[in-house]
Amino acid sequence: MAIISMFYGIIVSMFYFDNKQHKTPHIHVKYQGEEVVFSIPDGKILNGTMKTNKRKLVEA
């Protein structure tokens, strides 16, 4: 797992060979025990939940 960015306690990472569960390019975002998987092309949430204000920071 490669960490791409860290800001405001949010950790954005990417797994090199993680194509079995999610078929589209995506990133994993962690914040205080919550984890969300975002699709890279369109920013849709593929899996997980996160507080709205932190989700908006990631989407920006």
N, C-alpha and C. Protein backbone atom coordinates (compact mmCIF):
# COMPACT_ATOMS: atom_id res chain seq x y z
N MET A 1 0.85 -1.17 0.00
CA MET A 1 0.00 0.00 0.00
C MET A 1 0.89 1.23 0.00
N ALA A 2 0.65 2.11 -0.94
CA ALA A 2 1.39 3.36 -1.03
C ALA A 2 0.53 4.50 -0.52
N ILE A 3 1.06 5.27 0.41
CA ILE A 3 0.33 6.44 0.92
C ILE A 3 0.56 7.58 -0.05
N ILE A 4 -0.53 8.12 -0.57
CA ILE A 4 -0.46 9.20 -1.55
C ILE A 4 -0.46 10.55 -0.87
N SER A 5 -1.30 10.70 0.18
CA SER A 5 -1.44 11.99 0.84
C SER A 5 -1.93 11.80 2.27
N MET A 6 -1.57 12.75 3.14
CA MET A 6 -2.07 12.79 4.51
C MET A 6 -2.39 14.25 4.84
N PHE A 7 -3.62 14.52 5.26
CA PHE A 7 -4.01 15.88 5.64
C PHE A 7 -5.17 15.82 6.61
N TYR A 8 -5.16 16.67 7.64
CA TYR A 8 -6.22 16.75 8.64
C TYR A 8 -6.58 15.39 9.24
N GLY A 9 -5.61 14.51 9.37
CA GLY A 9 -5.85 13.19 9.92
C GLY A 9 -6.40 12.19 8.92
N ILE A 10 -6.55 12.61 7.67
CA ILE A 10 -7.06 11.74 6.60
C ILE A 10 -5.87 11.13 5.87
N ILE A 11 -5.90 9.83 5.66
CA ILE A 11 -4.83 9.13 4.95
C ILE A 11 -5.40 8.58 3.65
N VAL A 12 -4.80 8.99 2.52
CA VAL A 12 -5.22 8.54 1.20
C VAL A 12 -4.15 7.58 0.69
N SER A 13 -4.57 6.37 0.34
CA SER A 13 -3.60 5.37 -0.12
C SER A 13 -4.12 4.61 -1.33
N MET A 14 -3.19 3.93 -1.99
CA MET A 14 -3.53 3.14 -3.16
C MET A 14 -2.81 1.81 -3.07
N PHE A 15 -3.51 0.75 -3.41
CA PHE A 15 -2.92 -0.58 -3.44
C PHE A 15 -2.54 -0.88 -4.89
N TYR A 16 -1.34 -1.39 -5.10
CA TYR A 16 -0.85 -1.63 -6.45
C TYR A 16 -1.66 -2.69 -7.20
N PHE A 17 -1.94 -3.81 -6.57
CA PHE A 17 -2.57 -4.93 -7.27
C PHE A 17 -3.95 -5.27 -6.72
N ASP A 18 -4.71 -4.27 -6.30
CA ASP A 18 -6.04 -4.47 -5.73
C ASP A 18 -7.09 -4.33 -6.83
N ASN A 19 -7.22 -5.35 -7.68
CA ASN A 19 -8.20 -5.27 -8.76
C ASN A 19 -9.21 -6.42 -8.70
N LYS A 20 -9.19 -7.22 -7.66
CA LYS A 20 -10.12 -8.34 -7.55
C LYS A 20 -11.46 -7.91 -6.98
N GLN A 21 -11.45 -7.08 -5.94
CA GLN A 21 -12.70 -6.67 -5.30
C GLN A 21 -13.35 -5.50 -6.05
N HIS A 22 -12.58 -4.48 -6.37
CA HIS A 22 -13.09 -3.31 -7.08
C HIS A 22 -12.45 -3.29 -8.46
N LYS A 23 -13.25 -3.34 -9.48
CA LYS A 23 -12.74 -3.49 -10.85
C LYS A 23 -12.26 -2.17 -11.46
N THR A 24 -12.65 -1.04 -10.90
CA THR A 24 -12.23 0.25 -11.46
C THR A 24 -11.03 0.79 -10.69
N PRO A 25 -10.27 1.72 -11.27
CA PRO A 25 -9.20 2.38 -10.53
C PRO A 25 -9.79 3.11 -9.32
N HIS A 26 -9.14 2.99 -8.16
CA HIS A 26 -9.72 3.57 -6.95
C HIS A 26 -8.64 3.87 -5.92
N ILE A 27 -9.05 4.65 -4.90
CA ILE A 27 -8.18 4.96 -3.76
C ILE A 27 -8.91 4.56 -2.49
N HIS A 28 -8.12 4.31 -1.45
CA HIS A 28 -8.65 4.00 -0.12
C HIS A 28 -8.38 5.20 0.77
N VAL A 29 -9.39 5.64 1.51
CA VAL A 29 -9.27 6.80 2.39
C VAL A 29 -9.63 6.36 3.80
N LYS A 30 -8.74 6.66 4.77
CA LYS A 30 -8.99 6.30 6.17
C LYS A 30 -9.01 7.55 7.03
N TYR A 31 -9.94 7.55 7.99
CA TYR A 31 -10.02 8.63 8.97
C TYR A 31 -10.66 8.09 10.24
N GLN A 32 -9.93 8.07 11.33
CA GLN A 32 -10.40 7.65 12.65
C GLN A 32 -11.21 6.36 12.61
N GLY A 33 -10.65 5.32 12.04
CA GLY A 33 -11.30 4.03 12.02
C GLY A 33 -12.31 3.82 10.91
N GLU A 34 -12.65 4.87 10.19
CA GLU A 34 -13.55 4.75 9.06
C GLU A 34 -12.72 4.56 7.79
N GLU A 35 -13.21 3.76 6.86
CA GLU A 35 -12.51 3.59 5.59
C GLU A 35 -13.51 3.64 4.45
N VAL A 36 -13.15 4.39 3.42
CA VAL A 36 -13.99 4.55 2.24
C VAL A 36 -13.14 4.28 1.01
N VAL A 37 -13.75 3.66 0.01
CA VAL A 37 -13.08 3.42 -1.27
C VAL A 37 -13.76 4.31 -2.30
N PHE A 38 -12.97 5.21 -2.92
CA PHE A 38 -13.47 6.14 -3.93
C PHE A 38 -13.00 5.69 -5.30
N SER A 39 -13.89 5.74 -6.28
CA SER A 39 -13.53 5.50 -7.67
C SER A 39 -12.76 6.71 -8.17
N ILE A 40 -11.66 6.50 -8.89
CA ILE A 40 -10.85 7.62 -9.37
C ILE A 40 -11.53 8.36 -10.53
N PRO A 41 -12.05 7.68 -11.54
CA PRO A 41 -12.59 8.44 -12.68
C PRO A 41 -13.73 9.40 -12.32
N ASP A 42 -14.65 8.97 -11.44
CA ASP A 42 -15.82 9.81 -11.18
C ASP A 42 -16.01 10.22 -9.72
N GLY A 43 -15.20 9.71 -8.79
CA GLY A 43 -15.28 10.09 -7.39
C GLY A 43 -16.41 9.46 -6.61
N LYS A 44 -17.10 8.48 -7.18
CA LYS A 44 -18.19 7.81 -6.47
C LYS A 44 -17.63 6.92 -5.37
N ILE A 45 -18.40 6.75 -4.30
CA ILE A 45 -18.02 5.85 -3.21
C ILE A 45 -18.36 4.43 -3.61
N LEU A 46 -17.35 3.57 -3.63
CA LEU A 46 -17.56 2.16 -3.97
C LEU A 46 -17.88 1.32 -2.74
N ASN A 47 -17.32 1.73 -1.59
CA ASN A 47 -17.51 0.93 -0.37
C ASN A 47 -17.19 1.80 0.84
N GLY A 48 -17.94 1.64 1.92
CA GLY A 48 -17.64 2.31 3.19
C GLY A 48 -18.42 3.59 3.40
N THR A 49 -18.19 4.17 4.60
CA THR A 49 -18.83 5.43 4.98
C THR A 49 -17.81 6.33 5.66
N MET A 50 -18.09 7.63 5.63
CA MET A 50 -17.21 8.61 6.25
C MET A 50 -18.03 9.84 6.60
N LYS A 51 -17.60 10.58 7.63
CA LYS A 51 -18.28 11.81 7.99
C LYS A 51 -18.34 12.74 6.78
N THR A 52 -19.45 13.44 6.64
CA THR A 52 -19.69 14.27 5.46
C THR A 52 -18.62 15.34 5.27
N ASN A 53 -18.22 16.01 6.35
CA ASN A 53 -17.24 17.08 6.19
C ASN A 53 -15.87 16.55 5.76
N LYS A 54 -15.48 15.39 6.21
CA LYS A 54 -14.20 14.79 5.80
C LYS A 54 -14.30 14.26 4.37
N ARG A 55 -15.46 13.71 4.01
CA ARG A 55 -15.66 13.21 2.65
C ARG A 55 -15.55 14.35 1.64
N LYS A 56 -16.10 15.51 1.99
CA LYS A 56 -16.03 16.66 1.09
C LYS A 56 -14.59 17.16 0.92
N LEU A 57 -13.79 17.07 1.98
CA LEU A 57 -12.37 17.43 1.85
C LEU A 57 -11.66 16.52 0.85
N VAL A 58 -11.94 15.24 0.92
CA VAL A 58 -11.32 14.29 0.00
C VAL A 58 -11.79 14.55 -1.43
N GLU A 59 -13.08 14.79 -1.60
CA GLU A 59 -13.62 15.02 -2.93
C GLU A 59 -13.06 16.30 -3.56
N ALA A 60 -12.73 17.30 -2.72
CA ALA A 60 -12.19 18.56 -3.25
C ALA A 60 -10.79 18.32 -3.79
